[in-house]
């Protein structure tokens, strides 16, 4: 990709241990700790994106973090990402998102038909929680744990539908479905 984009420098940080998406952010923490950031996981492919609208909401400084989600009626798809439980719903208001109460990584029970994606918008406030998140027993740093810290500290985490369709490309079957 290079070292400059649109006149801005690009810095690369290598994650030497595969310890989850939040582990990658921990590697880059010194570069991002004083700023907002947007995270897009490389195995996510979306169609009909709504990223610009989500970014505009994020820039209004209402939420501390926004999670990109999509409706999905297949529990087996939700089970491969994370589920979302809400405090309150926006009742169709397109200008705000639903306030997150709880996230469950790789769920076995499904409170609704909302599937998390690998699109995250983090305010500087949210970024500062990264060093506080502890690894799970398996050594992985789960990004959902970061959002739990933010919520427990009184921060606001909302969701926004990020696309019409999203693919979490974690198998050859999903890739084949995508390229059809």
Protein backbone atom coordinates (compact mmCIF):
# COMPACT_ATOMS: atom_id res chain seq x y z
CA UNK A 1 0.00 0.00 0.00
CA UNK A 2 2.89 2.37 0.55
CA UNK A 3 3.83 4.81 3.27
CA UNK A 4 1.74 7.85 2.27
CA UNK A 5 -1.94 8.18 1.37
CA UNK A 6 -3.52 11.49 0.38
CA UNK A 7 -0.50 13.29 1.82
CA UNK A 8 -0.78 11.53 5.19
CA UNK A 9 1.86 9.11 6.48
CA UNK A 10 0.97 5.44 6.93
CA UNK A 11 2.60 3.45 9.71
CA UNK A 12 2.52 -0.34 9.83
CA UNK A 13 2.57 -2.32 13.06
CA UNK A 14 3.07 -6.09 13.06
CA UNK A 15 1.06 -8.31 15.38
CA UNK A 16 3.62 -11.04 16.08
CA UNK A 17 1.28 -13.16 18.22
CA UNK A 18 -2.18 -14.12 16.97
CA UNK A 19 -4.09 -13.10 20.07
CA UNK A 20 -7.23 -11.55 18.61
CA UNK A 21 -8.27 -8.25 17.02
CA UNK A 22 -7.84 -6.39 20.29
CA UNK A 23 -4.33 -7.86 20.51
CA UNK A 24 -3.59 -6.10 17.21
CA UNK A 25 -4.88 -2.82 18.63
CA UNK A 26 -2.68 -3.31 21.69
CA UNK A 27 0.33 -3.53 19.34
CA UNK A 28 -0.66 -0.21 17.75
CA UNK A 29 -1.73 1.47 20.99
CA UNK A 30 1.13 3.99 21.17
CA UNK A 31 0.20 5.23 17.68
CA UNK A 32 -3.56 5.53 18.28
CA UNK A 33 -3.88 6.35 21.99
CA UNK A 34 -4.52 10.05 21.51
CA UNK A 35 -7.00 9.86 18.66
CA UNK A 36 -10.21 8.34 17.36
CA UNK A 37 -9.91 5.35 15.08
CA UNK A 38 -11.94 3.15 12.78
CA UNK A 39 -11.24 -0.58 12.70
CA UNK A 40 -12.16 -2.82 9.78
CA UNK A 41 -11.31 -6.50 10.10
CA UNK A 42 -9.77 -7.89 6.94
CA UNK A 43 -12.09 -10.91 6.73
CA UNK A 44 -15.24 -8.74 6.44
CA UNK A 45 -16.75 -7.97 3.05
CA UNK A 46 -19.86 -5.82 2.80
CA UNK A 47 -22.34 -4.94 0.07
CA UNK A 48 -24.40 -1.76 0.11
CA UNK A 49 -22.33 -0.05 2.77
CA UNK A 50 -23.55 2.71 5.06
CA UNK A 51 -20.13 3.65 6.35
CA UNK A 52 -20.34 7.35 5.46
CA UNK A 53 -23.61 7.80 7.39
CA UNK A 54 -22.15 5.95 10.37
CA UNK A 55 -19.02 8.08 10.28
CA UNK A 56 -21.13 11.26 10.24
CA UNK A 57 -22.97 10.10 13.38
CA UNK A 58 -19.66 9.22 15.01
CA UNK A 59 -18.26 12.69 14.26
CA UNK A 60 -21.15 14.33 16.11
CA UNK A 61 -19.51 12.99 19.29
CA UNK A 62 -22.61 11.38 20.69
CA UNK A 63 -21.38 7.81 21.14
CA UNK A 64 -18.07 6.66 22.56
CA UNK A 65 -18.13 3.76 20.12
CA UNK A 66 -20.23 2.49 17.24
CA UNK A 67 -20.43 -1.17 16.28
CA UNK A 68 -21.35 -2.05 12.73
CA UNK A 69 -24.08 -4.71 12.69
CA UNK A 70 -26.48 -6.27 10.22
CA UNK A 71 -29.79 -8.09 10.57
CA UNK A 72 -29.28 -11.85 10.18
CA UNK A 73 -31.89 -14.54 10.71
CA UNK A 74 -29.31 -17.37 10.78
CA UNK A 75 -28.19 -18.14 14.32
CA UNK A 76 -25.22 -20.09 12.95
CA UNK A 77 -23.91 -16.87 11.37
CA UNK A 78 -24.40 -14.88 14.58
CA UNK A 79 -22.64 -17.67 16.51
CA UNK A 80 -19.46 -17.02 14.50
CA UNK A 81 -19.27 -13.33 15.47
CA UNK A 82 -21.06 -11.71 18.42
CA UNK A 83 -24.59 -11.00 19.58
CA UNK A 84 -25.91 -7.72 20.93
CA UNK A 85 -28.39 -7.02 23.74
CA UNK A 86 -29.85 -3.53 24.00
CA UNK A 87 -30.93 -1.14 26.76
CA UNK A 88 -33.33 0.75 24.51
CA UNK A 89 -34.17 0.93 20.85
CA UNK A 90 -34.26 3.97 18.61
CA UNK A 91 -37.76 3.08 17.35
CA UNK A 92 -36.90 3.76 13.74
CA UNK A 93 -35.01 7.04 14.22
CA UNK A 94 -32.26 6.75 11.56
CA UNK A 95 -30.12 9.42 13.22
CA UNK A 96 -29.20 7.45 16.32
CA UNK A 97 -28.33 3.84 17.01
CA UNK A 98 -29.47 1.37 19.60
CA UNK A 99 -27.67 1.59 22.97
CA UNK A 100 -25.75 -1.60 23.73
CA UNK A 101 -26.25 -3.30 27.08
CA UNK A 102 -24.20 -6.45 26.52
CA UNK A 103 -22.14 -8.20 23.86
CA UNK A 104 -21.49 -11.93 23.73
CA UNK A 105 -18.59 -13.26 21.68
CA UNK A 106 -19.43 -16.50 19.82
CA UNK A 107 -22.90 -16.80 21.46
CA UNK A 108 -24.91 -19.96 21.97
CA UNK A 109 -28.12 -18.08 22.83
CA UNK A 110 -29.53 -15.34 20.62
CA UNK A 111 -31.48 -12.39 22.06
CA UNK A 112 -32.37 -11.12 18.57
CA UNK A 113 -31.43 -11.44 14.92
CA UNK A 114 -28.59 -8.88 14.99
CA UNK A 115 -25.10 -10.02 13.96
CA UNK A 116 -21.96 -8.11 14.78
CA UNK A 117 -19.49 -7.34 12.02
CA UNK A 118 -15.83 -6.39 12.02
CA UNK A 119 -16.52 -2.64 11.67
CA UNK A 120 -15.84 -0.51 14.75
CA UNK A 121 -15.65 3.24 15.35
CA UNK A 122 -13.75 4.17 18.53
CA UNK A 123 -13.50 7.59 20.14
CA UNK A 124 -10.29 8.65 21.85
CA UNK A 125 -12.07 7.87 25.16
CA UNK A 126 -12.70 4.30 24.00
CA UNK A 127 -9.18 3.82 22.69
CA UNK A 128 -7.79 4.65 26.12
CA UNK A 129 -9.45 1.53 27.58
CA UNK A 130 -7.42 -0.83 25.37
CA UNK A 131 -4.55 -1.44 27.86
CA UNK A 132 -7.02 -2.26 30.64
CA UNK A 133 -8.63 -5.23 28.90
CA UNK A 134 -7.28 -8.55 30.15
CA UNK A 135 -6.87 -11.64 27.96
CA UNK A 136 -9.32 -14.47 28.30
CA UNK A 137 -8.27 -17.88 29.60
CA UNK A 138 -7.35 -18.91 26.04
CA UNK A 139 -4.92 -15.96 25.75
CA UNK A 140 -7.13 -14.05 23.29
CA UNK A 141 -7.93 -10.36 23.61
CA UNK A 142 -11.54 -10.11 22.44
CA UNK A 143 -12.68 -6.76 21.11
CA UNK A 144 -16.12 -7.34 22.64
CA UNK A 145 -14.42 -7.16 26.07
CA UNK A 146 -13.22 -3.65 25.22
CA UNK A 147 -16.81 -2.55 24.61
CA UNK A 148 -17.90 -4.17 27.87
CA UNK A 149 -15.29 -2.05 29.72
CA UNK A 150 -16.58 1.08 27.97
CA UNK A 151 -20.20 0.31 28.90
CA UNK A 152 -19.32 -0.56 32.52
CA UNK A 153 -17.42 2.73 32.86
CA UNK A 154 -20.54 4.66 31.84
CA UNK A 155 -19.61 5.12 28.20
CA UNK A 156 -22.10 4.95 25.37
CA UNK A 157 -21.81 2.20 22.77
CA UNK A 158 -24.36 2.08 19.97
CA UNK A 159 -24.93 -0.03 16.89
CA UNK A 160 -25.65 0.98 13.33
CA UNK A 161 -26.60 -1.21 10.41
CA UNK A 162 -23.38 -1.00 8.39
CA UNK A 163 -24.50 -2.65 5.14
CA UNK A 164 -27.25 -4.46 3.31
CA UNK A 165 -25.23 -7.67 3.38
CA UNK A 166 -22.02 -8.68 5.14
CA UNK A 167 -19.81 -11.72 4.75
CA UNK A 168 -17.45 -12.94 7.45
CA UNK A 169 -15.04 -14.82 5.20
CA UNK A 170 -13.77 -17.47 7.58
CA UNK A 171 -14.22 -20.52 5.35
CA UNK A 172 -13.98 -21.55 1.73
CA UNK A 173 -17.77 -22.08 1.71
CA UNK A 174 -18.42 -18.43 2.62
CA UNK A 175 -15.91 -17.28 0.01
CA UNK A 176 -17.62 -19.42 -2.64
CA UNK A 177 -21.02 -17.98 -1.62
CA UNK A 178 -19.63 -14.49 -2.05
CA UNK A 179 -18.04 -15.02 -5.48
CA UNK A 180 -20.98 -17.19 -6.46
